């Protein structure tokens, strides 16, 4: 039986974006299954007393330099988003809704949003910009907004976030292999070792 990587993610984290670019290849190399679990990072921070490294100016500057080093190592584009940090509540409800209601389009949906945030540097806490990005990628913004208001979708995101906290998650990206937590895109080598 193949192993799984449970990937707890929020689009608003640049480190999560980098993990997202690498995990499919890691899972392919190890014949493992990648399970995406959308969470609300703001809810995680509130529940655990944690905060974004960007809230400490020196640490924030260092973090983006370090993420840039990793992006170059991975051979993937990464652009500092001038609108960071972004309130991702609506985005993560939309992601959860797509996963629940339209799983066949889930991957394309998160692909276009990660691209807009961390390659194009778009302001995805602006509804008009979100509508443009979605339309350009073949999604109906009205349908997506309906998903974000769906009570079952809201409850699913809240439940994912609460369960993540119960499992010891304090930030994103967080990955579990065999109930072992790995935090941060800079721990992907340990994820790979655990899968092997």
Protein backbone atom coordinates (compact mmCIF):
# COMPACT_ATOMS: atom_id res chain seq x y z
CA UNK A 1 0.00 0.00 0.00
CA UNK A 2 1.42 3.37 -1.02
CA UNK A 3 2.12 6.09 1.54
CA UNK A 4 0.35 9.42 1.70
CA UNK A 5 1.40 13.00 2.34
CA UNK A 6 -1.31 15.06 4.01
CA UNK A 7 -0.59 18.62 2.90
CA UNK A 8 -2.16 21.31 5.11
CA UNK A 9 -2.06 24.51 3.09
CA UNK A 10 -3.21 28.11 2.82
CA UNK A 11 -2.66 29.99 -0.46
CA UNK A 12 -1.45 33.09 1.37
CA UNK A 13 1.84 31.52 2.48
CA UNK A 14 4.80 31.86 0.08
CA UNK A 15 6.53 28.90 1.77
CA UNK A 16 3.39 26.85 1.09
CA UNK A 17 3.57 27.86 -2.57
CA UNK A 18 7.13 26.48 -2.76
CA UNK A 19 6.09 23.21 -1.10
CA UNK A 20 3.17 22.97 -3.54
CA UNK A 21 5.62 23.20 -6.48
CA UNK A 22 7.71 20.28 -5.14
CA UNK A 23 5.33 17.82 -3.46
CA UNK A 24 3.77 16.35 -6.65
CA UNK A 25 7.23 15.35 -7.90
CA UNK A 26 8.22 13.94 -4.50
CA UNK A 27 5.02 11.87 -4.44
CA UNK A 28 5.56 10.70 -8.01
CA UNK A 29 9.15 9.62 -7.19
CA UNK A 30 7.99 7.64 -4.16
CA UNK A 31 4.70 6.30 -5.60
CA UNK A 32 2.86 8.19 -2.85
CA UNK A 33 -0.48 9.96 -2.76
CA UNK A 34 -0.73 13.72 -2.12
CA UNK A 35 -3.79 14.72 -0.08
CA UNK A 36 -4.56 18.44 -0.11
CA UNK A 37 -6.17 19.74 3.09
CA UNK A 38 -7.16 23.43 2.92
CA UNK A 39 -6.89 25.32 6.20
CA UNK A 40 -7.21 28.92 7.32
CA UNK A 41 -3.76 30.05 8.44
CA UNK A 42 -5.22 33.01 10.37
CA UNK A 43 -7.32 30.53 12.37
CA UNK A 44 -4.24 28.39 13.04
CA UNK A 45 -2.29 31.43 14.25
CA UNK A 46 -5.15 32.54 16.50
CA UNK A 47 -5.57 29.07 18.04
CA UNK A 48 -1.87 28.48 18.65
CA UNK A 49 -0.62 31.98 19.50
CA UNK A 50 1.69 31.88 16.48
CA UNK A 51 2.18 34.70 13.95
CA UNK A 52 3.65 35.17 10.50
CA UNK A 53 7.44 35.64 10.46
CA UNK A 54 6.70 38.75 8.38
CA UNK A 55 5.39 40.47 11.52
CA UNK A 56 9.02 40.75 12.71
CA UNK A 57 10.70 43.08 10.16
CA UNK A 58 14.19 41.56 10.26
CA UNK A 59 12.83 38.01 10.15
CA UNK A 60 10.42 38.93 7.36
CA UNK A 61 13.23 40.36 5.20
CA UNK A 62 15.35 37.27 5.82
CA UNK A 63 12.44 34.92 5.12
CA UNK A 64 11.87 36.34 1.64
CA UNK A 65 15.61 36.19 0.84
CA UNK A 66 15.63 32.56 1.96
CA UNK A 67 12.49 31.68 -0.01
CA UNK A 68 14.09 33.26 -3.07
CA UNK A 69 17.13 30.99 -2.60
CA UNK A 70 14.85 27.94 -2.47
CA UNK A 71 12.90 29.07 -5.55
CA UNK A 72 16.18 29.30 -7.48
CA UNK A 73 17.24 25.87 -6.17
CA UNK A 74 13.89 24.37 -7.23
CA UNK A 75 13.91 26.18 -10.58
CA UNK A 76 10.50 27.77 -10.00
CA UNK A 77 9.36 31.39 -10.28
CA UNK A 78 8.63 33.32 -7.07
CA UNK A 79 7.76 36.99 -6.86
CA UNK A 80 7.36 38.91 -3.63
CA UNK A 81 3.68 39.90 -3.51
CA UNK A 82 3.45 43.62 -2.61
CA UNK A 83 -0.03 42.97 -1.15
CA UNK A 84 1.28 40.42 1.39
CA UNK A 85 -0.06 39.50 3.91
CA UNK A 86 -3.40 38.71 2.30
CA UNK A 87 -6.64 37.85 4.10
CA UNK A 88 -7.35 34.42 2.59
CA UNK A 89 -10.72 33.63 4.19
CA UNK A 90 -12.73 33.90 0.95
CA UNK A 91 -9.98 32.25 -1.11
CA UNK A 92 -9.71 29.27 1.22
CA UNK A 93 -13.49 28.90 1.34
CA UNK A 94 -13.44 28.88 -2.45
CA UNK A 95 -10.65 26.27 -2.49
CA UNK A 96 -12.56 24.11 0.00
CA UNK A 97 -15.74 24.51 -2.06
CA UNK A 98 -14.00 23.45 -5.25
CA UNK A 99 -12.53 20.41 -3.49
CA UNK A 100 -15.97 19.42 -2.17
CA UNK A 101 -18.19 20.31 -5.14
CA UNK A 102 -15.93 20.20 -8.21
CA UNK A 103 -12.95 17.96 -7.39
CA UNK A 104 -12.21 17.46 -11.09
CA UNK A 105 -11.30 21.18 -11.35
CA UNK A 106 -9.64 21.51 -7.94
CA UNK A 107 -6.04 21.24 -9.19
CA UNK A 108 -6.54 23.79 -11.97
CA UNK A 109 -8.21 26.09 -9.45
CA UNK A 110 -5.37 26.12 -6.92
CA UNK A 111 -2.83 26.29 -9.78
CA UNK A 112 -4.29 29.56 -11.08
CA UNK A 113 -4.52 31.09 -7.59
CA UNK A 114 -0.97 30.15 -6.54
CA UNK A 115 0.25 31.53 -9.89
CA UNK A 116 -1.65 34.80 -9.42
CA UNK A 117 -0.33 35.26 -5.87
CA UNK A 118 3.28 34.11 -6.03
CA UNK A 119 4.29 34.47 -9.68
CA UNK A 120 2.22 37.45 -10.84
CA UNK A 121 2.00 39.25 -7.45
CA UNK A 122 -1.74 39.97 -7.81
CA UNK A 123 -3.92 41.40 -5.04
CA UNK A 124 -6.24 38.49 -4.30
CA UNK A 125 -7.93 40.17 -1.36
CA UNK A 126 -9.53 42.47 -3.97
CA UNK A 127 -12.75 40.83 -5.26
CA UNK A 128 -12.46 42.54 -8.67
CA UNK A 129 -8.93 41.16 -9.18
CA UNK A 130 -10.05 37.70 -8.07
CA UNK A 131 -12.91 37.84 -10.60
CA UNK A 132 -10.47 38.76 -13.39
CA UNK A 133 -8.05 35.95 -12.46
CA UNK A 134 -10.85 33.39 -12.30
CA UNK A 135 -12.39 34.50 -15.61
CA UNK A 136 -8.98 34.41 -17.34
CA UNK A 137 -8.59 30.80 -16.14
CA UNK A 138 -12.03 29.59 -17.23
CA UNK A 139 -13.83 29.79 -13.88
CA UNK A 140 -17.14 31.55 -13.26
CA UNK A 141 -16.59 34.12 -10.48
CA UNK A 142 -20.30 34.09 -9.54
CA UNK A 143 -20.26 30.30 -9.12
CA UNK A 144 -17.14 30.56 -6.97
CA UNK A 145 -18.66 33.31 -4.78
CA UNK A 146 -21.71 31.10 -4.26
CA UNK A 147 -19.40 28.35 -3.00
CA UNK A 148 -17.82 30.71 -0.45
CA UNK A 149 -21.27 31.36 1.08
CA UNK A 150 -22.18 27.64 1.27
CA UNK A 151 -22.61 26.66 4.95
CA UNK A 152 -21.24 23.15 4.37
CA UNK A 153 -18.14 24.61 2.73
CA UNK A 154 -17.60 27.08 5.59
CA UNK A 155 -17.99 24.27 8.12
CA UNK A 156 -15.54 22.03 6.22
CA UNK A 157 -12.81 24.70 6.24
CA UNK A 158 -13.39 25.40 9.93
CA UNK A 159 -13.30 21.66 10.68
CA UNK A 160 -10.06 21.18 8.69
CA UNK A 161 -8.47 24.05 10.61
CA UNK A 162 -9.60 22.78 14.02
CA UNK A 163 -8.42 19.23 13.26
CA UNK A 164 -5.06 20.60 12.11
CA UNK A 165 -4.59 22.38 15.45
CA UNK A 166 -5.54 19.18 17.30
CA UNK A 167 -2.82 17.35 15.34
CA UNK A 168 -0.19 19.90 16.35
CA UNK A 169 -0.18 22.15 13.28
CA UNK A 170 0.94 25.72 14.09
CA UNK A 171 1.69 27.08 10.62
CA UNK A 172 1.83 26.33 6.91
CA UNK A 173 2.93 24.39 5.07
CA UNK A 174 2.51 21.40 7.35
CA UNK A 175 2.78 17.85 6.08
CA UNK A 176 2.09 14.54 7.71
CA UNK A 177 3.59 11.19 6.71
CA UNK A 178 2.51 8.30 8.96
CA UNK A 179 1.19 10.80 11.54
CA UNK A 180 4.64 12.44 11.72
CA UNK A 181 4.49 16.24 11.32
CA UNK A 182 6.92 18.09 9.05
CA UNK A 183 6.63 21.89 9.12
CA UNK A 184 7.96 24.18 6.41
CA UNK A 185 8.96 23.81 2.79
CA UNK A 186 12.57 23.51 3.98
CA UNK A 187 11.71 20.11 5.51
CA UNK A 188 10.80 18.43 2.21
CA UNK A 189 13.97 16.33 2.34
CA UNK A 190 12.63 14.76 5.55
CA UNK A 191 9.25 14.20 3.88
CA UNK A 192 11.05 12.40 1.05
CA UNK A 193 13.03 10.25 3.53
CA UNK A 194 9.82 9.33 5.40
CA UNK A 195 8.13 8.29 2.16
CA UNK A 196 11.09 6.10 1.19
